[in-house]
Amino acid sequence: MPDFTQWPSFPFEGDIRVKPLADPVSVEPPRKGEAHRECTACLAPDEAYIWVGERWRVRAMDRPTGLPMVLILESRSHLDLGDLPNLLAAELGVMTVRLERAIRSLDGVARVHVNRWGDGSAHLHMWFLARPYGRLQLRGTFLSLWDSILPPISEEQWRENLALVAAWLAEFGGRPLAEPPRIQWQAPSSLAAQSASPAETTPTEGGSLLDAIGETAEPPDAPGVGVNLESSAAPAPAETVAEETPSGETVSGAVSGPTTEQETDAVPPGASAADVAEDRPEPVTQPTHSTPGPHIESAGRGSRAAPTGTAAPTPTAEPTDTAGPTGPTESD
């Protein structure tokens, strides 16, 4: 057995045998994007990526991985590494540094391994693998193998990491397509539902990285992989939207009738909701019949009672009082 089987970073132990080396073939089969084979990267829409630019795109795997982050940098043009013109070759170095820094800025990331295999696809794609901080056993060349051995990270953390990397790249241009997971404001109806919720969001086991690298060395063929980050987030129900309106306000058409004690008490006896809505936006414009003076009652529901033994004020009396009451009003 070779010496690397004794390295601390080697993922396996026990009795291991080396496969017999097959005879070389005279002609290698075409990769995807060569000869009659279609190119997966060229057919993928921008929505299948977490960040897109004028000449480069970044995509993720189709589900959370064992490593904190696994991303793929692709060129828009159907070119391999050795076919890049000088402009794209220079930009490849810049994009590699930017993406490495973005991934390394994530919490819990110590190093970022940059790999290029290219045995399965003729379209240039660079792999970026994040090594967890403190996991010294994962150092070195076997990091891609450990990705399938480690338990996947949570989907919420995975989506948040994707959004952070996309936002980092967008600081230099391009368009971020990954968004962080939505906050679930709804409280569980019972403790049983709360304890069962983490099990529902637990990602499935699987070696998506090795599946992609294995024989095809390219991202999964499914369009929209790793990009439609809002598809799994449940939309907020209509009742939640109605509850987020300011307290004490009644929104016309939002609900069929009063549902809380506050909404029932907001309408005074003998008055409809429309009357209250008309009184609130126009507290001062309607003329009052109270005696003008330095302190006038606010023009709200309390001003609807006609005072006794007073005369209507003249238009020129106390012009400053008509601009607004000096005491506390209902709007305060």
C-alpha atoms as a PDB file:
ATOM      1  CA  MET A   1       0.000   0.000   0.000  1.00  0.00           C
ATOM      2  CA  PRO A   2       1.230   3.543  -0.671  1.00  0.00           C
ATOM      3  CA  ASP A   3       2.456   5.655   2.207  1.00  0.00           C
ATOM      4  CA  PHE A   4      -0.482   8.087   2.092  1.00  0.00           C
ATOM      5  CA  THR A   5      -2.755   5.385   3.531  1.00  0.00           C
ATOM      6  CA  GLN A   6      -0.912   5.966   6.809  1.00  0.00           C
ATOM      7  CA  TRP A   7      -1.444   9.740   6.765  1.00  0.00           C
ATOM      8  CA  PRO A   8      -3.748  11.132   9.461  1.00  0.00           C
ATOM      9  CA  SER A   9      -5.809  12.773   6.694  1.00  0.00           C
ATOM     10  CA  PHE A  10      -6.526   9.452   4.952  1.00  0.00           C
ATOM     11  CA  PRO A  11     -10.252   8.834   5.525  1.00  0.00           C
ATOM     12  CA  PHE A  12     -10.165   5.017   5.730  1.00  0.00           C
ATOM     13  CA  GLU A  13      -8.596   2.365   7.883  1.00  0.00           C
ATOM     14  CA  GLY A  14      -8.488  -1.397   8.022  1.00  0.00           C
ATOM     15  CA  ASP A  15      -7.730  -3.839   5.236  1.00  0.00           C
ATOM     16  CA  ILE A  16      -7.720  -2.086   1.876  1.00  0.00           C
ATOM     17  CA  ARG A  17      -6.759  -3.460  -1.498  1.00  0.00           C
ATOM     18  CA  VAL A  18      -5.639  -1.584  -4.575  1.00  0.00           C
ATOM     19  CA  LYS A  19      -7.736  -2.106  -7.684  1.00  0.00           C
ATOM     20  CA  PRO A  20      -5.996  -3.661 -10.667  1.00  0.00           C
ATOM     21  CA  LEU A  21      -4.920  -1.013 -13.154  1.00  0.00           C
ATOM     22  CA  ALA A  22      -6.907  -1.318 -16.374  1.00  0.00           C
ATOM     23  CA  ASP A  23      -5.286  -1.245 -19.760  1.00  0.00           C
ATOM     24  CA  PRO A  24      -5.154   2.183 -21.433  1.00  0.00           C
ATOM     25  CA  VAL A  25      -7.668   2.910 -24.191  1.00  0.00           C
ATOM     26  CA  SER A  26      -6.590   3.988 -27.654  1.00  0.00           C
ATOM     27  CA  VAL A  27      -9.116   6.849 -27.890  1.00  0.00           C
ATOM     28  CA  GLU A  28     -10.607   8.618 -24.901  1.00  0.00           C
ATOM     29  CA  PRO A  29     -14.372   9.226 -24.947  1.00  0.00           C
ATOM     30  CA  PRO A  30     -15.531  12.807 -25.535  1.00  0.00           C
ATOM     31  CA  ARG A  31     -16.326  14.919 -22.526  1.00  0.00           C
ATOM     32  CA  LYS A  32     -19.552  16.825 -22.155  1.00  0.00           C
ATOM     33  CA  GLY A  33     -19.362  19.795 -24.469  1.00  0.00           C
ATOM     34  CA  GLU A  34     -17.199  17.920 -26.973  1.00  0.00           C
ATOM     35  CA  ALA A  35     -18.164  16.266 -30.259  1.00  0.00           C
ATOM     36  CA  HIS A  36     -21.892  15.411 -30.204  1.00  0.00           C
ATOM     37  CA  ARG A  37     -22.335  15.778 -26.444  1.00  0.00           C
ATOM     38  CA  GLU A  38     -24.237  18.797 -25.139  1.00  0.00           C
ATOM     39  CA  CYS A  39     -22.657  21.150 -22.639  1.00  0.00           C
ATOM     40  CA  THR A  40     -24.435  21.291 -19.305  1.00  0.00           C
ATOM     41  CA  ALA A  41     -22.934  24.637 -18.342  1.00  0.00           C
ATOM     42  CA  CYS A  42     -23.954  26.334 -21.594  1.00  0.00           C
ATOM     43  CA  LEU A  43     -27.554  25.105 -21.271  1.00  0.00           C
ATOM     44  CA  ALA A  44     -27.940  26.158 -17.630  1.00  0.00           C
ATOM     45  CA  PRO A  45     -29.831  29.465 -17.120  1.00  0.00           C
ATOM     46  CA  ASP A  46     -28.606  32.209 -14.844  1.00  0.00           C
ATOM     47  CA  GLU A  47     -31.222  31.180 -12.297  1.00  0.00           C
ATOM     48  CA  ALA A  48     -29.191  28.021 -11.683  1.00  0.00           C
ATOM     49  CA  TYR A  49     -26.373  30.051 -10.126  1.00  0.00           C
ATOM     50  CA  ILE A  50     -25.877  31.988  -6.907  1.00  0.00           C
ATOM     51  CA  TRP A  51     -24.021  34.842  -8.640  1.00  0.00           C
ATOM     52  CA  VAL A  52     -23.722  35.838 -12.291  1.00  0.00           C
ATOM     53  CA  GLY A  53     -21.554  38.391 -14.056  1.00  0.00           C
ATOM     54  CA  GLU A  54     -20.822  39.418 -17.589  1.00  0.00           C
ATOM     55  CA  ARG A  55     -18.210  36.714 -18.178  1.00  0.00           C
ATOM     56  CA  TRP A  56     -18.324  34.464 -15.083  1.00  0.00           C
ATOM     57  CA  ARG A  57     -20.890  32.568 -13.048  1.00  0.00           C
ATOM     58  CA  VAL A  58     -20.772  30.794  -9.662  1.00  0.00           C
ATOM     59  CA  ARG A  59     -22.965  27.871  -8.775  1.00  0.00           C
ATOM     60  CA  ALA A  60     -23.453  25.601  -5.775  1.00  0.00           C
ATOM     61  CA  MET A  61     -24.370  21.993  -5.242  1.00  0.00           C
ATOM     62  CA  ASP A  62     -27.980  20.842  -5.214  1.00  0.00           C
ATOM     63  CA  ARG A  63     -28.079  20.310  -1.429  1.00  0.00           C
ATOM     64  CA  PRO A  64     -26.016  20.970   1.695  1.00  0.00           C
ATOM     65  CA  THR A  65     -22.654  19.247   1.823  1.00  0.00           C
ATOM     66  CA  GLY A  66     -20.439  17.995   4.610  1.00  0.00           C
ATOM     67  CA  LEU A  67     -18.019  20.873   4.084  1.00  0.00           C
ATOM     68  CA  PRO A  68     -19.109  24.392   5.018  1.00  0.00           C
ATOM     69  CA  MET A  69     -19.118  25.424   1.362  1.00  0.00           C
ATOM     70  CA  VAL A  70     -18.559  23.864  -2.062  1.00  0.00           C
ATOM     71  CA  LEU A  71     -18.779  26.205  -5.050  1.00  0.00           C
ATOM     72  CA  ILE A  72     -17.937  26.086  -8.748  1.00  0.00           C
ATOM     73  CA  LEU A  73     -16.629  28.984 -10.815  1.00  0.00           C
ATOM     74  CA  GLU A  74     -17.500  28.770 -14.517  1.00  0.00           C
ATOM     75  CA  SER A  75     -16.825  30.942 -17.510  1.00  0.00           C
ATOM     76  CA  ARG A  76     -19.765  32.012 -19.649  1.00  0.00           C
ATOM     77  CA  SER A  77     -17.860  31.251 -22.834  1.00  0.00           C
ATOM     78  CA  HIS A  78     -17.472  27.619 -23.807  1.00  0.00           C
ATOM     79  CA  LEU A  79     -13.728  27.463 -23.272  1.00  0.00           C
ATOM     80  CA  ASP A  80     -11.388  25.185 -21.396  1.00  0.00           C
ATOM     81  CA  LEU A  81      -8.555  26.397 -19.188  1.00  0.00           C
ATOM     82  CA  GLY A  82      -5.907  26.310 -21.883  1.00  0.00           C
ATOM     83  CA  ASP A  83      -8.200  28.026 -24.400  1.00  0.00           C
ATOM     84  CA  LEU A  84      -8.785  31.214 -22.391  1.00  0.00           C
ATOM     85  CA  PRO A  85      -7.726  34.456 -24.096  1.00  0.00           C
ATOM     86  CA  ASN A  86      -5.543  36.864 -22.174  1.00  0.00           C
ATOM     87  CA  LEU A  87      -8.488  38.899 -20.871  1.00  0.00           C
ATOM     88  CA  LEU A  88     -10.316  35.900 -19.406  1.00  0.00           C
ATOM     89  CA  ALA A  89      -7.054  34.372 -18.181  1.00  0.00           C
ATOM     90  CA  ALA A  90      -6.326  37.524 -16.201  1.00  0.00           C
ATOM     91  CA  GLU A  91      -9.886  37.694 -14.899  1.00  0.00           C
ATOM     92  CA  LEU A  92      -9.684  34.063 -13.811  1.00  0.00           C
ATOM     93  CA  GLY A  93      -6.956  35.000 -11.370  1.00  0.00           C
ATOM     94  CA  VAL A  94      -8.982  37.926 -10.041  1.00  0.00           C
ATOM     95  CA  MET A  95     -12.150  35.854  -9.697  1.00  0.00           C
ATOM     96  CA  THR A  96     -10.236  33.060  -7.965  1.00  0.00           C
ATOM     97  CA  VAL A  97      -8.895  35.453  -5.346  1.00  0.00           C
ATOM     98  CA  ARG A  98     -12.303  37.093  -4.810  1.00  0.00           C
ATOM     99  CA  LEU A  99     -14.148  33.831  -4.408  1.00  0.00           C
ATOM    100  CA  GLU A 100     -11.493  32.404  -2.110  1.00  0.00           C
ATOM    101  CA  ARG A 101     -11.713  35.453   0.129  1.00  0.00           C
ATOM    102  CA  ALA A 102     -15.502  35.347   0.140  1.00  0.00           C
ATOM    103  CA  ILE A 103     -15.594  31.708   1.225  1.00  0.00           C
ATOM    104  CA  ARG A 104     -12.830  32.175   3.774  1.00  0.00           C
ATOM    105  CA  SER A 105     -14.801  35.022   5.369  1.00  0.00           C
ATOM    106  CA  LEU A 106     -17.526  32.584   6.447  1.00  0.00           C
ATOM    107  CA  ASP A 107     -17.672  31.490  10.064  1.00  0.00           C
ATOM    108  CA  GLY A 108     -15.962  28.188  10.713  1.00  0.00           C
ATOM    109  CA  VAL A 109     -13.817  28.163   7.551  1.00  0.00           C
ATOM    110  CA  ALA A 110     -10.033  27.786   7.920  1.00  0.00           C
ATOM    111  CA  ARG A 111      -8.809  27.217   4.358  1.00  0.00           C
ATOM    112  CA  VAL A 112     -10.230  27.076   0.841  1.00  0.00           C
ATOM    113  CA  HIS A 113      -8.939  24.420  -1.537  1.00  0.00           C
ATOM    114  CA  VAL A 114      -9.050  25.346  -5.232  1.00  0.00           C
ATOM    115  CA  ASN A 115      -9.176  22.412  -7.657  1.00  0.00           C
ATOM    116  CA  ARG A 116      -9.527  21.859 -11.353  1.00  0.00           C
ATOM    117  CA  TRP A 117      -9.976  18.376 -12.786  1.00  0.00           C
ATOM    118  CA  GLY A 118     -11.755  18.805 -16.112  1.00  0.00           C
ATOM    119  CA  ASP A 119     -12.054  15.110 -16.998  1.00  0.00           C
ATOM    120  CA  GLY A 120     -15.823  15.174 -17.413  1.00  0.00           C
ATOM    121  CA  SER A 121     -16.633  18.527 -19.015  1.00  0.00           C
ATOM    122  CA  ALA A 122     -14.894  20.625 -21.649  1.00  0.00           C
ATOM    123  CA  HIS A 123     -16.374  23.790 -20.127  1.00  0.00           C
ATOM    124  CA  LEU A 124     -13.996  25.463 -17.670  1.00  0.00           C
ATOM    125  CA  HIS A 125     -15.059  24.994 -14.051  1.00  0.00           C
ATOM    126  CA  MET A 126     -12.982  25.525 -10.918  1.00  0.00           C
ATOM    127  CA  TRP A 127     -13.892  23.874  -7.623  1.00  0.00           C
ATOM    128  CA  PHE A 128     -13.686  25.728  -4.299  1.00  0.00           C
ATOM    129  CA  LEU A 129     -13.819  23.516  -1.184  1.00  0.00           C
ATOM    130  CA  ALA A 130     -13.937  25.047   2.296  1.00  0.00           C
ATOM    131  CA  ARG A 131     -12.128  23.182   5.082  1.00  0.00           C
ATOM    132  CA  PRO A 132     -13.733  23.518   8.529  1.00  0.00           C
ATOM    133  CA  TYR A 133     -11.693  25.362  11.105  1.00  0.00           C
ATOM    134  CA  GLY A 134      -9.942  23.137  13.606  1.00  0.00           C
ATOM    135  CA  ARG A 135     -10.440  19.950  11.596  1.00  0.00           C
ATOM    136  CA  LEU A 136      -6.751  19.186  11.097  1.00  0.00           C
ATOM    137  CA  GLN A 137      -7.525  15.667   9.953  1.00  0.00           C
ATOM    138  CA  LEU A 138      -9.160  17.132   6.843  1.00  0.00           C
ATOM    139  CA  ARG A 139      -6.025  18.942   5.679  1.00  0.00           C
ATOM    140  CA  GLY A 140      -4.516  18.010   2.356  1.00  0.00           C
ATOM    141  CA  THR A 141      -5.587  16.196  -0.762  1.00  0.00           C
ATOM    142  CA  PHE A 142      -8.417  14.084   0.699  1.00  0.00           C
ATOM    143  CA  LEU A 143     -10.781  16.956   1.478  1.00  0.00           C
ATOM    144  CA  SER A 144     -13.124  16.033  -1.379  1.00  0.00           C
ATOM    145  CA  LEU A 145     -13.439  12.505   0.056  1.00  0.00           C
ATOM    146  CA  TRP A 146     -14.224  13.787   3.534  1.00  0.00           C
ATOM    147  CA  ASP A 147     -17.091  15.856   2.139  1.00  0.00           C
ATOM    148  CA  SER A 148     -19.123  12.687   1.585  1.00  0.00           C
ATOM    149  CA  ILE A 149     -18.175  11.250   4.972  1.00  0.00           C
ATOM    150  CA  LEU A 150     -19.027  14.257   7.144  1.00  0.00           C
ATOM    151  CA  PRO A 151     -22.679  14.850   8.068  1.00  0.00           C
ATOM    152  CA  PRO A 152     -24.232  17.635   5.964  1.00  0.00           C
ATOM    153  CA  ILE A 153     -24.553  21.061   7.527  1.00  0.00           C
ATOM    154  CA  SER A 154     -28.015  22.428   8.188  1.00  0.00           C
ATOM    155  CA  GLU A 155     -29.904  23.799   5.226  1.00  0.00           C
ATOM    156  CA  GLU A 156     -30.443  27.161   6.896  1.00  0.00           C
ATOM    157  CA  GLN A 157     -26.711  27.597   7.484  1.00  0.00           C
ATOM    158  CA  TRP A 158     -25.982  26.433   3.951  1.00  0.00           C
ATOM    159  CA  ARG A 159     -28.373  28.933   2.399  1.00  0.00           C
ATOM    160  CA  GLU A 160     -27.074  31.732   4.590  1.00  0.00           C
ATOM    161  CA  ASN A 161     -23.501  30.967   3.515  1.00  0.00           C
ATOM    162  CA  LEU A 162     -24.528  31.035  -0.136  1.00  0.00           C
ATOM    163  CA  ALA A 163     -26.175  34.423   0.308  1.00  0.00           C
ATOM    164  CA  LEU A 164     -23.103  35.835   2.054  1.00  0.00           C
ATOM    165  CA  VAL A 165     -20.756  34.687  -0.708  1.00  0.00           C
ATOM    166  CA  ALA A 166     -23.082  36.045  -3.407  1.00  0.00           C
ATOM    167  CA  ALA A 167     -23.292  39.408  -1.623  1.00  0.00           C
ATOM    168  CA  TRP A 168     -19.501  39.536  -1.286  1.00  0.00           C
ATOM    169  CA  LEU A 169     -19.035  38.990  -5.022  1.00  0.00           C
ATOM    170  CA  ALA A 170     -21.749  41.527  -5.843  1.00  0.00           C
ATOM    171  CA  GLU A 171     -19.662  44.224  -4.136  1.00  0.00           C
ATOM    172  CA  PHE A 172     -17.385  44.057  -7.190  1.00  0.00           C
ATOM    173  CA  GLY A 173     -20.195  43.813  -9.755  1.00  0.00           C
ATOM    174  CA  GLY A 174     -22.510  41.214 -11.149  1.00  0.00           C
ATOM    175  CA  ARG A 175     -25.836  40.127  -9.756  1.00  0.00           C
ATOM    176  CA  PRO A 176     -26.400  38.037  -6.609  1.00  0.00           C
ATOM    177  CA  LEU A 177     -29.141  35.427  -6.945  1.00  0.00           C
ATOM    178  CA  ALA A 178     -28.817  33.632  -3.611  1.00  0.00           C
ATOM    179  CA  GLU A 179     -30.887  34.971  -0.735  1.00  0.00           C
ATOM    180  CA  PRO A 180     -30.773  34.043   2.940  1.00  0.00           C
ATOM    181  CA  PRO A 181     -33.511  31.801   4.338  1.00  0.00           C
ATOM    182  CA  ARG A 182     -36.665  33.534   5.462  1.00  0.00           C
ATOM    183  CA  ILE A 183     -37.267  33.885   9.168  1.00  0.00           C
ATOM    184  CA  GLN A 184     -40.180  31.764  10.338  1.00  0.00           C
ATOM    185  CA  TRP A 185     -42.178  34.146  12.534  1.00  0.00           C
ATOM    186  CA  GLN A 186     -44.998  31.700  13.175  1.00  0.00           C
ATOM    187  CA  ALA A 187     -44.773  30.100  16.607  1.00  0.00           C
ATOM    188  CA  PRO A 188     -45.437  26.348  16.779  1.00  0.00           C
ATOM    189  CA  SER A 189     -48.868  25.412  18.016  1.00  0.00           C
ATOM    190  CA  SER A 190     -47.442  22.954  20.529  1.00  0.00           C
ATOM    191  CA  LEU A 191     -44.173  21.740  21.945  1.00  0.00           C
ATOM    192  CA  ALA A 192     -44.569  18.545  19.960  1.00  0.00           C
ATOM    193  CA  ALA A 193     -44.593  20.486  16.707  1.00  0.00           C
ATOM    194  CA  GLN A 194     -41.529  22.446  17.812  1.00  0.00           C
ATOM    195  CA  SER A 195     -39.582  19.307  18.600  1.00  0.00           C
ATOM    196  CA  ALA A 196     -40.589  17.729  15.301  1.00  0.00           C
ATOM    197  CA  SER A 197     -39.646  20.719  13.137  1.00  0.00           C
ATOM    198  CA  PRO A 198     -35.846  20.166  13.084  1.00  0.00           C
ATOM    199  CA  ALA A 199     -36.309  16.628  11.821  1.00  0.00           C
ATOM    200  CA  GLU A 200     -38.289  17.875   8.852  1.00  0.00           C
ATOM    201  CA  THR A 201     -35.555  20.276   7.724  1.00  0.00           C
ATOM    202  CA  THR A 202     -32.661  17.861   8.217  1.00  0.00           C
ATOM    203  CA  PRO A 203     -30.903  17.454   4.850  1.00  0.00           C
ATOM    204  CA  THR A 204     -30.583  14.021   3.377  1.00  0.00           C
ATOM    205  CA  GLU A 205     -27.321  12.188   3.437  1.00  0.00           C
ATOM    206  CA  GLY A 206     -25.433  12.001   0.207  1.00  0.00           C
ATOM    207  CA  GLY A 207     -22.088  12.586  -1.461  1.00  0.00           C
ATOM    208  CA  SER A 208     -23.128  15.245  -3.927  1.00  0.00           C
ATOM    209  CA  LEU A 209     -19.552  16.431  -4.378  1.00  0.00           C
ATOM    210  CA  LEU A 210     -18.214  13.022  -5.304  1.00  0.00           C
ATOM    211  CA  ASP A 211     -21.261  12.373  -7.465  1.00  0.00           C
ATOM    212  CA  ALA A 212     -20.402  15.476  -9.437  1.00  0.00           C
ATOM    213  CA  ILE A 213     -16.657  14.969  -9.558  1.00  0.00           C
ATOM    214  CA  GLY A 214     -16.623  11.180  -9.940  1.00  0.00           C
ATOM    215  CA  GLU A 215     -16.868  10.391 -13.638  1.00  0.00           C
ATOM    216  CA  THR A 216     -18.396  13.618 -14.912  1.00  0.00           C
ATOM    217  CA  ALA A 217     -16.340  16.187 -12.983  1.00  0.00           C
ATOM    218  CA  GLU A 218     -19.071  18.744 -13.466  1.00  0.00           C
ATOM    219  CA  PRO A 219     -22.103  20.138 -11.597  1.00  0.00           C
ATOM    220  CA  PRO A 220     -25.347  18.158 -11.603  1.00  0.00           C
ATOM    221  CA  ASP A 221     -27.330  18.294 -14.844  1.00  0.00           C
ATOM    222  CA  ALA A 222     -30.588  19.420 -13.254  1.00  0.00           C
ATOM    223  CA  PRO A 223     -31.407  23.038 -14.169  1.00  0.00           C
ATOM    224  CA  GLY A 224     -31.855  25.371 -11.259  1.00  0.00           C
ATOM    225  CA  VAL A 225     -29.441  23.449  -9.045  1.00  0.00           C
ATOM    226  CA  GLY A 226     -28.477  25.270  -5.886  1.00  0.00           C
ATOM    227  CA  VAL A 227     -30.047  28.555  -6.940  1.00  0.00           C
ATOM    228  CA  ASN A 228     -33.781  28.652  -6.404  1.00  0.00           C
ATOM    229  CA  LEU A 229     -33.239  29.382  -2.733  1.00  0.00           C
ATOM    230  CA  GLU A 230     -36.736  30.652  -2.102  1.00  0.00           C
ATOM    231  CA  SER A 231     -38.508  27.590  -3.457  1.00  0.00           C
ATOM    232  CA  SER A 232     -38.254  25.612  -0.220  1.00  0.00           C
ATOM    233  CA  ALA A 233     -39.109  28.541   2.023  1.00  0.00           C
ATOM    234  CA  ALA A 234     -42.784  28.404   2.915  1.00  0.00           C
ATOM    235  CA  PRO A 235     -44.667  31.609   2.049  1.00  0.00           C
ATOM    236  CA  ALA A 236     -46.201  33.542   4.893  1.00  0.00           C
ATOM    237  CA  PRO A 237     -49.909  32.711   5.308  1.00  0.00           C
ATOM    238  CA  ALA A 238     -52.533  35.373   4.851  1.00  0.00           C
ATOM    239  CA  GLU A 239     -53.371  35.428   8.558  1.00  0.00           C
ATOM    240  CA  THR A 240     -49.780  36.306   9.422  1.00  0.00           C
ATOM    241  CA  VAL A 241     -49.801  39.267   7.033  1.00  0.00           C
ATOM    242  CA  ALA A 242     -52.952  40.560   8.629  1.00  0.00           C
ATOM    243  CA  GLU A 243     -51.415  40.300  12.095  1.00  0.00           C
ATOM    244  CA  GLU A 244     -48.395  42.342  11.081  1.00  0.00           C
ATOM    245  CA  THR A 245     -50.483  45.482  10.521  1.00  0.00           C
ATOM    246  CA  PRO A 246     -50.179  48.136  13.240  1.00  0.00           C
ATOM    247  CA  SER A 247     -52.172  47.304  16.353  1.00  0.00           C
ATOM    248  CA  GLY A 248     -55.459  49.084  16.790  1.00  0.00           C
ATOM    249  CA  GLU A 249     -55.858  49.812  13.052  1.00  0.00           C
ATOM    250  CA  THR A 250     -58.605  48.149  11.064  1.00  0.00           C
ATOM    251  CA  VAL A 251     -57.659  47.400   7.456  1.00  0.00           C
ATOM    252  CA  SER A 252     -60.632  47.361   5.121  1.00  0.00           C
ATOM    253  CA  GLY A 253     -60.927  44.092   3.250  1.00  0.00           C
ATOM    254  CA  ALA A 254     -58.116  42.378   5.174  1.00  0.00           C
ATOM    255  CA  VAL A 255     -60.505  40.262   7.249  1.00  0.00           C
ATOM    256  CA  SER A 256     -64.182  39.538   7.030  1.00  0.00           C
ATOM    257  CA  GLY A 257     -64.992  40.785  10.545  1.00  0.00           C
ATOM    258  CA  PRO A 258     -63.459  41.714  13.873  1.00  0.00           C
ATOM    259  CA  THR A 259     -61.174  38.986  15.099  1.00  0.00           C
ATOM    260  CA  THR A 260     -59.644  40.493  18.230  1.00  0.00           C
ATOM    261  CA  GLU A 261     -60.849  42.489  21.175  1.00  0.00           C
ATOM    262  CA  GLN A 262     -58.866  45.494  20.005  1.00  0.00           C
ATOM    263  CA  GLU A 263     -60.630  45.576  16.667  1.00  0.00           C
ATOM    264  CA  THR A 264     -64.029  45.285  18.370  1.00  0.00           C
ATOM    265  CA  ASP A 265     -63.320  48.061  20.859  1.00  0.00           C
ATOM    266  CA  ALA A 266     -61.853  50.364  18.178  1.00  0.00           C
ATOM    267  CA  VAL A 267     -65.358  51.124  16.811  1.00  0.00           C
ATOM    268  CA  PRO A 268     -67.514  53.122  19.258  1.00  0.00           C
ATOM    269  CA  PRO A 269     -71.122  52.126  19.842  1.00  0.00           C
ATOM    270  CA  GLY A 270     -73.464  53.488  17.218  1.00  0.00           C
ATOM    271  CA  ALA A 271     -70.673  54.199  14.741  1.00  0.00           C
ATOM    272  CA  SER A 272     -69.393  52.128  11.855  1.00  0.00           C
ATOM    273  CA  ALA A 273     -65.781  51.466  10.905  1.00  0.00           C
ATOM    274  CA  ALA A 274     -66.147  53.844   7.961  1.00  0.00           C
ATOM    275  CA  ASP A 275     -67.145  56.672  10.326  1.00  0.00           C
ATOM    276  CA  VAL A 276     -64.062  56.093  12.435  1.00  0.00           C
ATOM    277  CA  ALA A 277     -61.846  55.979   9.340  1.00  0.00           C
ATOM    278  CA  GLU A 278     -63.293  59.299   8.176  1.00  0.00           C
ATOM    279  CA  ASP A 279     -62.798  60.954  11.569  1.00  0.00           C
ATOM    280  CA  ARG A 280     -59.122  60.034  11.986  1.00  0.00           C
ATOM    281  CA  PRO A 281     -57.521  61.494   8.836  1.00  0.00           C
ATOM    282  CA  GLU A 282     -59.406  64.806   9.157  1.00  0.00           C
ATOM    283  CA  PRO A 283     -59.281  65.777  12.818  1.00  0.00           C
ATOM    284  CA  VAL A 284     -59.055  69.569  12.322  1.00  0.00           C
ATOM    285  CA  THR A 285     -60.429  70.494   8.906  1.00  0.00           C
ATOM    286  CA  GLN A 286     -64.048  70.088   9.982  1.00  0.00           C
ATOM    287  CA  PRO A 287     -65.426  73.249  11.709  1.00  0.00           C
ATOM    288  CA  THR A 288     -66.189  72.905  15.399  1.00  0.00           C
ATOM    289  CA  HIS A 289     -68.800  74.609  17.502  1.00  0.00           C
ATOM    290  CA  SER A 290     -66.822  74.986  20.698  1.00  0.00           C
ATOM    291  CA  THR A 291     -65.936  78.326  22.155  1.00  0.00           C
ATOM    292  CA  PRO A 292     -62.537  79.498  20.866  1.00  0.00           C
ATOM    293  CA  GLY A 293     -59.907  79.892  23.478  1.00  0.00           C
ATOM    294  CA  PRO A 294     -56.359  79.046  24.385  1.00  0.00           C
ATOM    295  CA  HIS A 295     -57.229  75.367  24.921  1.00  0.00           C
ATOM    296  CA  ILE A 296     -59.632  73.552  22.605  1.00  0.00           C
ATOM    297  CA  GLU A 297     -60.736  69.990  22.849  1.00  0.00           C
ATOM    298  CA  SER A 298     -59.246  67.771  20.139  1.00  0.00           C
ATOM    299  CA  ALA A 299     -61.388  67.216  17.088  1.00  0.00           C
ATOM    300  CA  GLY A 300     -62.051  63.527  17.406  1.00  0.00           C
ATOM    301  CA  ARG A 301     -64.881  61.472  18.639  1.00  0.00           C
ATOM    302  CA  GLY A 302     -65.184  63.674  21.747  1.00  0.00           C
ATOM    303  CA  SER A 303     -65.830  66.815  19.665  1.00  0.00           C
ATOM    304  CA  ARG A 304     -68.974  65.441  18.096  1.00  0.00           C
ATOM    305  CA  ALA A 305     -71.066  66.506  21.134  1.00  0.00           C
ATOM    306  CA  ALA A 306     -72.458  70.035  20.576  1.00  0.00           C
ATOM    307  CA  PRO A 307     -71.626  72.481  23.391  1.00  0.00           C
ATOM    308  CA  THR A 308     -74.475  74.346  25.063  1.00  0.00           C
ATOM    309  CA  GLY A 309     -74.878  78.119  25.170  1.00  0.00           C
ATOM    310  CA  THR A 310     -72.077  78.883  22.720  1.00  0.00           C
ATOM    311  CA  ALA A 311     -72.047  80.548  19.368  1.00  0.00           C
ATOM    312  CA  ALA A 312     -70.234  79.473  16.267  1.00  0.00           C
ATOM    313  CA  PRO A 313     -66.794  81.089  15.989  1.00  0.00           C
ATOM    314  CA  THR A 314     -66.140  83.651  13.308  1.00  0.00           C
ATOM    315  CA  PRO A 315     -63.695  82.732  10.533  1.00  0.00           C
ATOM    316  CA  THR A 316     -61.198  85.326  11.758  1.00  0.00           C
ATOM    317  CA  ALA A 317     -61.266  84.436  15.454  1.00  0.00           C
ATOM    318  CA  GLU A 318     -58.103  82.855  16.813  1.00  0.00           C
ATOM    319  CA  PRO A 319     -56.452  81.847  13.496  1.00  0.00           C
ATOM    320  CA  THR A 320     -53.653  80.076  15.333  1.00  0.00           C
ATOM    321  CA  ASP A 321     -56.058  77.668  16.997  1.00  0.00           C
ATOM    322  CA  THR A 322     -57.340  76.411  13.670  1.00  0.00           C
ATOM    323  CA  ALA A 323     -53.884  75.199  12.728  1.00  0.00           C
ATOM    324  CA  GLY A 324     -53.994  72.513  15.372  1.00  0.00           C
ATOM    325  CA  PRO A 325     -54.910  71.873  18.993  1.00  0.00           C
ATOM    326  CA  THR A 326     -52.396  72.661  21.695  1.00  0.00           C
ATOM    327  CA  GLY A 327     -53.355  69.855  24.001  1.00  0.00           C
ATOM    328  CA  PRO A 328     -52.834  66.107  23.488  1.00  0.00           C
ATOM    329  CA  THR A 329     -54.853  64.723  20.627  1.00  0.00           C
ATOM    330  CA  GLU A 330     -55.907  61.233  19.629  1.00  0.00           C
ATOM    331  CA  SER A 331     -53.173  61.100  17.015  1.00  0.00           C
ATOM    332  CA  ASP A 332     -50.575  61.689  19.753  1.00  0.00           C
END
